[in-house]
C-alpha atoms as a PDB file:
ATOM      1  CA  UNK A   1      -0.051   0.062  -0.027  1.00  0.00           C
ATOM      2  CA  UNK A   2       1.477   3.362  -0.875  1.00  0.00           C
ATOM      3  CA  UNK A   3       1.103   6.287   1.661  1.00  0.00           C
ATOM      4  CA  UNK A   4       1.328  10.028   0.651  1.00  0.00           C
ATOM      5  CA  UNK A   5       4.099  11.693   2.281  1.00  0.00           C
ATOM      6  CA  UNK A   6       4.583  15.171   3.558  1.00  0.00           C
ATOM      7  CA  UNK A   7       7.718  16.974   3.743  1.00  0.00           C
ATOM      8  CA  UNK A   8       8.084  18.952   6.846  1.00  0.00           C
ATOM      9  CA  UNK A   9      10.571  21.318   5.752  1.00  0.00           C
ATOM     10  CA  UNK A  10       8.491  24.489   4.799  1.00  0.00           C
ATOM     11  CA  UNK A  11       8.426  26.360   1.152  1.00  0.00           C
ATOM     12  CA  UNK A  12      10.036  29.769   0.005  1.00  0.00           C
ATOM     13  CA  UNK A  13       6.380  30.955   0.779  1.00  0.00           C
ATOM     14  CA  UNK A  14       5.500  30.058   3.631  1.00  0.00           C
ATOM     15  CA  UNK A  15       8.123  31.551   5.369  1.00  0.00           C
ATOM     16  CA  UNK A  16       7.110  34.566   3.018  1.00  0.00           C
ATOM     17  CA  UNK A  17       3.891  35.031   4.949  1.00  0.00           C
ATOM     18  CA  UNK A  18       5.535  33.830   8.665  1.00  0.00           C
ATOM     19  CA  UNK A  19       7.629  37.398   8.089  1.00  0.00           C
ATOM     20  CA  UNK A  20       5.042  39.736   6.753  1.00  0.00           C
ATOM     21  CA  UNK A  21       3.005  38.445   9.881  1.00  0.00           C
ATOM     22  CA  UNK A  22       6.301  39.272  12.062  1.00  0.00           C
ATOM     23  CA  UNK A  23       6.776  42.673  10.513  1.00  0.00           C
ATOM     24  CA  UNK A  24       2.938  44.037  10.583  1.00  0.00           C
ATOM     25  CA  UNK A  25       1.910  42.920  13.601  1.00  0.00           C
ATOM     26  CA  UNK A  26       4.572  45.202  16.423  1.00  0.00           C
ATOM     27  CA  UNK A  27       3.605  48.053  13.662  1.00  0.00           C
ATOM     28  CA  UNK A  28      -0.578  47.709  14.738  1.00  0.00           C
ATOM     29  CA  UNK A  29       0.946  47.263  17.868  1.00  0.00           C
ATOM     30  CA  UNK A  30       2.723  50.420  18.229  1.00  0.00           C
ATOM     31  CA  UNK A  31       0.405  52.506  17.676  1.00  0.00           C
ATOM     32  CA  UNK A  32      -2.663  51.595  19.120  1.00  0.00           C
ATOM     33  CA  UNK A  33      -0.425  52.063  22.279  1.00  0.00           C
ATOM     34  CA  UNK A  34       0.610  55.062  21.377  1.00  0.00           C
ATOM     35  CA  UNK A  35      -2.675  56.621  20.936  1.00  0.00           C
ATOM     36  CA  UNK A  36      -3.868  54.056  24.487  1.00  0.00           C
ATOM     37  CA  UNK A  37      -0.564  55.943  26.001  1.00  0.00           C
ATOM     38  CA  UNK A  38      -1.025  59.690  24.733  1.00  0.00           C
ATOM     39  CA  UNK A  39      -4.956  59.351  26.413  1.00  0.00           C
ATOM     40  CA  UNK A  40      -3.344  58.747  29.775  1.00  0.00           C
ATOM     41  CA  UNK A  41      -2.901  62.184  31.718  1.00  0.00           C
ATOM     42  CA  UNK A  42       0.809  62.707  33.474  1.00  0.00           C
ATOM     43  CA  UNK A  43      -0.481  63.363  37.040  1.00  0.00           C
ATOM     44  CA  UNK A  44       1.820  64.289  39.978  1.00  0.00           C
ATOM     45  CA  UNK A  45       0.702  66.126  43.500  1.00  0.00           C
ATOM     46  CA  UNK A  46      -1.520  69.023  41.931  1.00  0.00           C
ATOM     47  CA  UNK A  47      -0.465  69.162  38.744  1.00  0.00           C
ATOM     48  CA  UNK A  48      -2.560  66.938  35.839  1.00  0.00           C
ATOM     49  CA  UNK A  49      -1.872  67.587  31.805  1.00  0.00           C
ATOM     50  CA  UNK A  50      -1.635  66.223  29.040  1.00  0.00           C
ATOM     51  CA  UNK A  51      -0.566  67.436  25.731  1.00  0.00           C
ATOM     52  CA  UNK A  52       1.987  69.073  24.469  1.00  0.00           C
ATOM     53  CA  UNK A  53       3.779  67.671  27.832  1.00  0.00           C
ATOM     54  CA  UNK A  54       5.147  64.024  27.796  1.00  0.00           C
ATOM     55  CA  UNK A  55       6.943  62.235  30.803  1.00  0.00           C
ATOM     56  CA  UNK A  56       5.825  59.063  33.836  1.00  0.00           C
ATOM     57  CA  UNK A  57       4.342  56.584  31.157  1.00  0.00           C
ATOM     58  CA  UNK A  58       3.141  59.186  28.561  1.00  0.00           C
ATOM     59  CA  UNK A  59       6.093  58.418  25.693  1.00  0.00           C
ATOM     60  CA  UNK A  60       8.170  61.218  24.175  1.00  0.00           C
ATOM     61  CA  UNK A  61       5.744  60.902  21.010  1.00  0.00           C
ATOM     62  CA  UNK A  62       2.600  62.051  23.284  1.00  0.00           C
ATOM     63  CA  UNK A  63       4.750  65.751  23.542  1.00  0.00           C
ATOM     64  CA  UNK A  64       7.564  68.607  22.840  1.00  0.00           C
ATOM     65  CA  UNK A  65       9.790  67.052  23.004  1.00  0.00           C
ATOM     66  CA  UNK A  66      11.338  70.531  25.759  1.00  0.00           C
ATOM     67  CA  UNK A  67       7.623  70.177  27.990  1.00  0.00           C
ATOM     68  CA  UNK A  68       9.527  66.542  29.709  1.00  0.00           C
ATOM     69  CA  UNK A  69       7.721  66.209  32.634  1.00  0.00           C
ATOM     70  CA  UNK A  70       9.285  64.811  35.822  1.00  0.00           C
ATOM     71  CA  UNK A  71       7.061  63.443  38.996  1.00  0.00           C
ATOM     72  CA  UNK A  72       9.372  62.218  42.940  1.00  0.00           C
ATOM     73  CA  UNK A  73       8.168  62.717  45.811  1.00  0.00           C
ATOM     74  CA  UNK A  74       3.970  63.793  44.079  1.00  0.00           C
ATOM     75  CA  UNK A  75       6.026  67.278  42.969  1.00  0.00           C
ATOM     76  CA  UNK A  76       7.197  67.952  39.560  1.00  0.00           C
ATOM     77  CA  UNK A  77      10.088  69.195  37.876  1.00  0.00           C
ATOM     78  CA  UNK A  78      11.269  69.963  34.170  1.00  0.00           C
ATOM     79  CA  UNK A  79      14.455  70.543  32.539  1.00  0.00           C
ATOM     80  CA  UNK A  80      15.145  73.874  30.434  1.00  0.00           C
ATOM     81  CA  UNK A  81      18.647  74.232  28.626  1.00  0.00           C
ATOM     82  CA  UNK A  82      19.689  72.875  30.636  1.00  0.00           C
ATOM     83  CA  UNK A  83      18.593  74.418  34.062  1.00  0.00           C
ATOM     84  CA  UNK A  84      16.024  72.686  36.410  1.00  0.00           C
ATOM     85  CA  UNK A  85      13.120  73.674  37.386  1.00  0.00           C
ATOM     86  CA  UNK A  86       9.806  73.619  39.364  1.00  0.00           C
ATOM     87  CA  UNK A  87       6.640  72.774  38.284  1.00  0.00           C
ATOM     88  CA  UNK A  88       3.996  74.401  40.057  1.00  0.00           C
ATOM     89  CA  UNK A  89       0.996  75.281  38.392  1.00  0.00           C
ATOM     90  CA  UNK A  90      -0.366  73.922  34.169  1.00  0.00           C
ATOM     91  CA  UNK A  91      -2.730  76.063  32.546  1.00  0.00           C
ATOM     92  CA  UNK A  92      -4.373  74.540  29.493  1.00  0.00           C
ATOM     93  CA  UNK A  93      -6.563  76.732  28.546  1.00  0.00           C
ATOM     94  CA  UNK A  94      -4.309  79.620  28.226  1.00  0.00           C
ATOM     95  CA  UNK A  95      -1.216  77.745  27.184  1.00  0.00           C
ATOM     96  CA  UNK A  96       1.049  78.415  30.106  1.00  0.00           C
ATOM     97  CA  UNK A  97       3.240  77.442  33.329  1.00  0.00           C
ATOM     98  CA  UNK A  98       4.222  79.173  35.780  1.00  0.00           C
ATOM     99  CA  UNK A  99       7.638  77.113  36.461  1.00  0.00           C
ATOM    100  CA  UNK A 100      10.546  78.175  39.892  1.00  0.00           C
ATOM    101  CA  UNK A 101      14.353  77.085  39.251  1.00  0.00           C
ATOM    102  CA  UNK A 102      14.998  74.538  41.562  1.00  0.00           C
ATOM    103  CA  UNK A 103      18.601  75.812  42.321  1.00  0.00           C
ATOM    104  CA  UNK A 104      17.202  79.473  43.254  1.00  0.00           C
ATOM    105  CA  UNK A 105      14.099  77.888  45.923  1.00  0.00           C
ATOM    106  CA  UNK A 106      16.948  77.103  49.645  1.00  0.00           C
ATOM    107  CA  UNK A 107      18.974  80.941  48.833  1.00  0.00           C
ATOM    108  CA  UNK A 108      20.091  83.859  46.856  1.00  0.00           C
ATOM    109  CA  UNK A 109      23.782  81.196  46.012  1.00  0.00           C
ATOM    110  CA  UNK A 110      23.042  78.506  43.533  1.00  0.00           C
ATOM    111  CA  UNK A 111      25.053  75.544  42.510  1.00  0.00           C
ATOM    112  CA  UNK A 112      25.512  76.735  39.144  1.00  0.00           C
ATOM    113  CA  UNK A 113      25.733  79.484  36.933  1.00  0.00           C
ATOM    114  CA  UNK A 114      23.200  79.339  33.848  1.00  0.00           C
ATOM    115  CA  UNK A 115      20.739  81.474  32.743  1.00  0.00           C
ATOM    116  CA  UNK A 116      17.026  81.045  31.975  1.00  0.00           C
ATOM    117  CA  UNK A 117      16.980  81.247  28.556  1.00  0.00           C
ATOM    118  CA  UNK A 118      14.239  79.283  26.006  1.00  0.00           C
ATOM    119  CA  UNK A 119      13.706  78.590  22.817  1.00  0.00           C
ATOM    120  CA  UNK A 120      11.204  80.901  21.359  1.00  0.00           C
ATOM    121  CA  UNK A 121      10.705  78.064  18.500  1.00  0.00           C
ATOM    122  CA  UNK A 122       8.873  76.338  21.605  1.00  0.00           C
ATOM    123  CA  UNK A 123       8.275  79.747  24.397  1.00  0.00           C
ATOM    124  CA  UNK A 124       6.551  83.174  24.270  1.00  0.00           C
ATOM    125  CA  UNK A 125       7.131  85.008  27.137  1.00  0.00           C
ATOM    126  CA  UNK A 126       4.531  86.812  29.700  1.00  0.00           C
ATOM    127  CA  UNK A 127       3.257  90.154  29.418  1.00  0.00           C
ATOM    128  CA  UNK A 128       4.418  91.440  32.551  1.00  0.00           C
ATOM    129  CA  UNK A 129       7.974  89.771  33.635  1.00  0.00           C
ATOM    130  CA  UNK A 130      11.811  90.544  32.910  1.00  0.00           C
ATOM    131  CA  UNK A 131      14.678  89.432  33.088  1.00  0.00           C
ATOM    132  CA  UNK A 132      16.387  90.453  37.196  1.00  0.00           C
ATOM    133  CA  UNK A 133      20.648  89.814  36.960  1.00  0.00           C
ATOM    134  CA  UNK A 134      22.481  88.141  40.236  1.00  0.00           C
ATOM    135  CA  UNK A 135      25.646  89.621  40.285  1.00  0.00           C
ATOM    136  CA  UNK A 136      28.540  87.222  42.415  1.00  0.00           C
ATOM    137  CA  UNK A 137      31.829  87.323  42.993  1.00  0.00           C
ATOM    138  CA  UNK A 138      32.619  91.634  42.817  1.00  0.00           C
ATOM    139  CA  UNK A 139      34.917  93.175  45.071  1.00  0.00           C
ATOM    140  CA  UNK A 140      33.073  96.129  47.156  1.00  0.00           C
ATOM    141  CA  UNK A 141      33.765  99.093  44.795  1.00  0.00           C
ATOM    142  CA  UNK A 142      31.087  97.393  42.235  1.00  0.00           C
ATOM    143  CA  UNK A 143      27.900  97.284  45.049  1.00  0.00           C
ATOM    144  CA  UNK A 144      25.415  99.808  43.641  1.00  0.00           C
ATOM    145  CA  UNK A 145      23.876  98.775  41.060  1.00  0.00           C
ATOM    146  CA  UNK A 146      20.965  98.645  42.938  1.00  0.00           C
ATOM    147  CA  UNK A 147      20.443 100.261  46.606  1.00  0.00           C
ATOM    148  CA  UNK A 148      19.731  96.795  49.337  1.00  0.00           C
ATOM    149  CA  UNK A 149      18.717  97.661  52.898  1.00  0.00           C
ATOM    150  CA  UNK A 150      20.584  93.887  52.977  1.00  0.00           C
ATOM    151  CA  UNK A 151      23.303  92.904  50.777  1.00  0.00           C
ATOM    152  CA  UNK A 152      23.642  89.925  49.777  1.00  0.00           C
ATOM    153  CA  UNK A 153      27.022  87.556  49.555  1.00  0.00           C
ATOM    154  CA  UNK A 154      28.134  84.542  48.430  1.00  0.00           C
ATOM    155  CA  UNK A 155      31.616  82.284  48.704  1.00  0.00           C
ATOM    156  CA  UNK A 156      32.814  81.287  45.273  1.00  0.00           C
ATOM    157  CA  UNK A 157      35.241  78.959  46.370  1.00  0.00           C
ATOM    158  CA  UNK A 158      39.010  78.103  44.801  1.00  0.00           C
ATOM    159  CA  UNK A 159      38.180  82.256  42.934  1.00  0.00           C
ATOM    160  CA  UNK A 160      40.609  84.620  44.154  1.00  0.00           C
ATOM    161  CA  UNK A 161      36.827  86.984  43.418  1.00  0.00           C
ATOM    162  CA  UNK A 162      35.037  88.466  46.469  1.00  0.00           C
ATOM    163  CA  UNK A 163      31.975  87.125  48.333  1.00  0.00           C
ATOM    164  CA  UNK A 164      30.167  90.141  47.860  1.00  0.00           C
ATOM    165  CA  UNK A 165      26.152  89.918  45.815  1.00  0.00           C
ATOM    166  CA  UNK A 166      25.386  92.510  42.760  1.00  0.00           C
ATOM    167  CA  UNK A 167      21.889  92.872  41.154  1.00  0.00           C
ATOM    168  CA  UNK A 168      20.815  94.808  37.806  1.00  0.00           C
ATOM    169  CA  UNK A 169      17.655  95.153  36.054  1.00  0.00           C
ATOM    170  CA  UNK A 170      17.763  93.068  33.247  1.00  0.00           C
ATOM    171  CA  UNK A 171      19.367  90.201  31.524  1.00  0.00           C
ATOM    172  CA  UNK A 172      23.196  91.362  31.141  1.00  0.00           C
ATOM    173  CA  UNK A 173      27.277  90.437  31.777  1.00  0.00           C
ATOM    174  CA  UNK A 174      29.084  88.757  34.910  1.00  0.00           C
ATOM    175  CA  UNK A 175      31.634  92.519  34.108  1.00  0.00           C
ATOM    176  CA  UNK A 176      34.294  92.115  36.545  1.00  0.00           C
ATOM    177  CA  UNK A 177      33.299  90.124  38.932  1.00  0.00           C
ATOM    178  CA  UNK A 178      32.695  85.996  38.700  1.00  0.00           C
ATOM    179  CA  UNK A 179      29.610  84.945  37.483  1.00  0.00           C
ATOM    180  CA  UNK A 180      25.867  86.198  36.588  1.00  0.00           C
ATOM    181  CA  UNK A 181      22.784  84.625  36.610  1.00  0.00           C
ATOM    182  CA  UNK A 182      19.320  86.532  34.765  1.00  0.00           C
ATOM    183  CA  UNK A 183      16.027  85.789  35.699  1.00  0.00           C
ATOM    184  CA  UNK A 184      12.690  86.556  34.460  1.00  0.00           C
ATOM    185  CA  UNK A 185      10.177  88.657  37.324  1.00  0.00           C
ATOM    186  CA  UNK A 186       7.459  90.403  37.379  1.00  0.00           C
ATOM    187  CA  UNK A 187       8.430  93.849  36.733  1.00  0.00           C
ATOM    188  CA  UNK A 188       5.733  95.522  39.452  1.00  0.00           C
ATOM    189  CA  UNK A 189       7.702  94.212  42.318  1.00  0.00           C
ATOM    190  CA  UNK A 190      11.349  95.775  42.073  1.00  0.00           C
ATOM    191  CA  UNK A 191      13.323  97.845  43.193  1.00  0.00           C
ATOM    192  CA  UNK A 192      10.617  98.299  45.927  1.00  0.00           C
ATOM    193  CA  UNK A 193      13.365  98.294  49.139  1.00  0.00           C
ATOM    194  CA  UNK A 194      14.252  94.355  48.381  1.00  0.00           C
ATOM    195  CA  UNK A 195      15.726  92.495  51.499  1.00  0.00           C
ATOM    196  CA  UNK A 196      16.964  89.422  50.789  1.00  0.00           C
ATOM    197  CA  UNK A 197      15.115  87.985  51.287  1.00  0.00           C
ATOM    198  CA  UNK A 198      11.784  89.289  49.465  1.00  0.00           C
ATOM    199  CA  UNK A 199      13.918  88.016  46.933  1.00  0.00           C
ATOM    200  CA  UNK A 200      13.672  84.799  47.838  1.00  0.00           C
ATOM    201  CA  UNK A 201       9.960  84.589  48.098  1.00  0.00           C
ATOM    202  CA  UNK A 202      10.172  86.243  44.918  1.00  0.00           C
ATOM    203  CA  UNK A 203      12.266  83.279  43.488  1.00  0.00           C
ATOM    204  CA  UNK A 204       9.873  81.243  44.802  1.00  0.00           C
ATOM    205  CA  UNK A 205       7.232  82.332  43.421  1.00  0.00           C
ATOM    206  CA  UNK A 206       8.254  82.126  39.921  1.00  0.00           C
ATOM    207  CA  UNK A 207       7.173  83.224  37.224  1.00  0.00           C
ATOM    208  CA  UNK A 208       5.485  82.924  34.023  1.00  0.00           C
ATOM    209  CA  UNK A 209       6.070  80.994  30.049  1.00  0.00           C
ATOM    210  CA  UNK A 210       3.344  80.391  27.769  1.00  0.00           C
ATOM    211  CA  UNK A 211       4.287  77.056  24.730  1.00  0.00           C
ATOM    212  CA  UNK A 212       3.316  77.201  21.345  1.00  0.00           C
ATOM    213  CA  UNK A 213       1.644  74.164  19.920  1.00  0.00           C
ATOM    214  CA  UNK A 214      -0.089  73.994  16.500  1.00  0.00           C
ATOM    215  CA  UNK A 215      -3.535  74.245  18.635  1.00  0.00           C
ATOM    216  CA  UNK A 216      -5.719  74.548  15.738  1.00  0.00           C
ATOM    217  CA  UNK A 217      -4.015  70.809  14.484  1.00  0.00           C
ATOM    218  CA  UNK A 218      -4.172  69.625  17.938  1.00  0.00           C
ATOM    219  CA  UNK A 219      -8.702  70.876  17.527  1.00  0.00           C
ATOM    220  CA  UNK A 220      -8.677  69.288  14.621  1.00  0.00           C
ATOM    221  CA  UNK A 221      -7.185  66.188  15.880  1.00  0.00           C
ATOM    222  CA  UNK A 222      -9.794  65.429  19.433  1.00  0.00           C
ATOM    223  CA  UNK A 223     -13.197  66.572  16.662  1.00  0.00           C
ATOM    224  CA  UNK A 224     -11.962  62.778  14.628  1.00  0.00           C
ATOM    225  CA  UNK A 225     -11.748  61.038  18.345  1.00  0.00           C
ATOM    226  CA  UNK A 226      -8.077  61.390  17.393  1.00  0.00           C
ATOM    227  CA  UNK A 227      -4.838  62.158  20.399  1.00  0.00           C
ATOM    228  CA  UNK A 228      -2.655  64.247  19.586  1.00  0.00           C
ATOM    229  CA  UNK A 229       1.246  63.555  19.540  1.00  0.00           C
ATOM    230  CA  UNK A 230       4.562  64.866  17.627  1.00  0.00           C
ATOM    231  CA  UNK A 231       5.535  63.650  14.743  1.00  0.00           C
ATOM    232  CA  UNK A 232       9.256  61.891  15.730  1.00  0.00           C
ATOM    233  CA  UNK A 233      10.710  63.315  12.444  1.00  0.00           C
ATOM    234  CA  UNK A 234       9.274  66.410  12.058  1.00  0.00           C
ATOM    235  CA  UNK A 235       8.485  67.574  15.312  1.00  0.00           C
ATOM    236  CA  UNK A 236       4.993  68.950  14.218  1.00  0.00           C
ATOM    237  CA  UNK A 237       1.867  68.018  15.636  1.00  0.00           C
ATOM    238  CA  UNK A 238      -0.031  64.660  14.532  1.00  0.00           C
ATOM    239  CA  UNK A 239      -3.031  63.232  15.377  1.00  0.00           C
ATOM    240  CA  UNK A 240      -3.141  58.984  17.143  1.00  0.00           C
ATOM    241  CA  UNK A 241      -5.764  57.095  16.256  1.00  0.00           C
ATOM    242  CA  UNK A 242      -7.775  53.270  16.786  1.00  0.00           C
ATOM    243  CA  UNK A 243      -5.813  51.405  15.163  1.00  0.00           C
ATOM    244  CA  UNK A 244      -3.980  52.809  12.450  1.00  0.00           C
ATOM    245  CA  UNK A 245      -0.536  51.807  11.279  1.00  0.00           C
ATOM    246  CA  UNK A 246       1.422  55.116  12.059  1.00  0.00           C
ATOM    247  CA  UNK A 247      -0.150  59.421  13.184  1.00  0.00           C
ATOM    248  CA  UNK A 248      -2.364  61.294  10.319  1.00  0.00           C
ATOM    249  CA  UNK A 249      -3.158  64.911  10.769  1.00  0.00           C
ATOM    250  CA  UNK A 250      -6.529  63.669  11.606  1.00  0.00           C
ATOM    251  CA  UNK A 251      -8.585  60.782  12.141  1.00  0.00           C
ATOM    252  CA  UNK A 252     -10.736  58.939   9.349  1.00  0.00           C
ATOM    253  CA  UNK A 253     -14.267  59.170  10.251  1.00  0.00           C
ATOM    254  CA  UNK A 254     -16.771  56.289   9.056  1.00  0.00           C
ATOM    255  CA  UNK A 255     -17.242  55.942   5.361  1.00  0.00           C
ATOM    256  CA  UNK A 256     -13.865  58.087   4.290  1.00  0.00           C
ATOM    257  CA  UNK A 257      -9.641  57.604   5.149  1.00  0.00           C
ATOM    258  CA  UNK A 258      -7.672  59.550   7.359  1.00  0.00           C
ATOM    259  CA  UNK A 259      -5.702  62.431   6.015  1.00  0.00           C
ATOM    260  CA  UNK A 260      -2.314  61.999   5.653  1.00  0.00           C
ATOM    261  CA  UNK A 261       0.421  63.783   7.375  1.00  0.00           C
ATOM    262  CA  UNK A 262       2.464  66.175   5.884  1.00  0.00           C
ATOM    263  CA  UNK A 263       4.185  68.497   8.018  1.00  0.00           C
ATOM    264  CA  UNK A 264       8.227  69.624   7.606  1.00  0.00           C
ATOM    265  CA  UNK A 265      11.406  69.795   9.673  1.00  0.00           C
ATOM    266  CA  UNK A 266      11.691  73.153  12.169  1.00  0.00           C
ATOM    267  CA  UNK A 267      13.554  75.831  11.382  1.00  0.00           C
ATOM    268  CA  UNK A 268      16.771  76.770  14.064  1.00  0.00           C
ATOM    269  CA  UNK A 269      16.800  77.491  17.416  1.00  0.00           C
ATOM    270  CA  UNK A 270      17.326  80.689  19.319  1.00  0.00           C
ATOM    271  CA  UNK A 271      17.492  82.224  22.705  1.00  0.00           C
ATOM    272  CA  UNK A 272      14.833  84.210  24.417  1.00  0.00           C
ATOM    273  CA  UNK A 273      15.510  87.496  26.030  1.00  0.00           C
ATOM    274  CA  UNK A 274      12.407  88.475  28.791  1.00  0.00           C
ATOM    275  CA  UNK A 275      13.771  91.796  28.958  1.00  0.00           C
ATOM    276  CA  UNK A 276      13.439  93.423  26.378  1.00  0.00           C
ATOM    277  CA  UNK A 277      10.628  90.466  24.968  1.00  0.00           C
ATOM    278  CA  UNK A 278      12.965  90.339  21.429  1.00  0.00           C
ATOM    279  CA  UNK A 279      14.787  86.937  19.675  1.00  0.00           C
ATOM    280  CA  UNK A 280      19.104  86.391  20.314  1.00  0.00           C
ATOM    281  CA  UNK A 281      21.058  84.685  18.906  1.00  0.00           C
ATOM    282  CA  UNK A 282      23.812  83.812  21.063  1.00  0.00           C
ATOM    283  CA  UNK A 283      23.647  84.648  25.445  1.00  0.00           C
ATOM    284  CA  UNK A 284      25.171  88.095  27.180  1.00  0.00           C
ATOM    285  CA  UNK A 285      27.974  89.770  26.283  1.00  0.00           C
ATOM    286  CA  UNK A 286      30.150  89.286  30.148  1.00  0.00           C
ATOM    287  CA  UNK A 287      32.400  92.488  29.468  1.00  0.00           C
END
């Protein structure tokens, strides 16, 4: 009796089918995950927010790269241009957040001398704030730009500079002193009878900045039952949809096709000067 013999070696077509399955399934799962993850809110203490922020369960594709939030002990923090800030308040209705420098929460002597600068592609200044410059490591002869009832001192280790502090309005360099740091403050509060305590409290209250995002594109995405995110290639707003392999301008309504994401690459960045509400290409002069 003859028996049919079946080969156990798969044909080339079987390999092609299996390969396609492994290629297509992860793509679909990735899209589904982004829609779900970007639908979640960032929650930390009193802060709760979504797009254009990301972090703590919201992947980087859910928000603008510069707007990453971190949560530790129910305190929200973020880094902007290598400076650490504590996030005090987020107002999505007017697209603004209030932040305070972490290094000034403990006093007027910061561990690092870094200016508060902001990429104007991402941030806009808020009316009512201007830069205040703290100058460190001065000799007594240089003091007096802004009269203080109680001048502050900061020890500068391993240098021959003095310990006296000076304060000036606007964004400026240290001149003959060791270093300077400019920080936005409410201009309605200066220069009225400052002392060290009032200055420290002013810095703890923080300042406001507005983030810049394509709100119209995000609203259009939300109306189509999508979730806003960021195209990692173009760095522009995109729309994540259920059961869709990639981001698009909007999600597909029943019987229609989603509009493709055609965002282009962003222009190069710059620095922002809060004292004049103008853009700068470089840091303040140190002369």
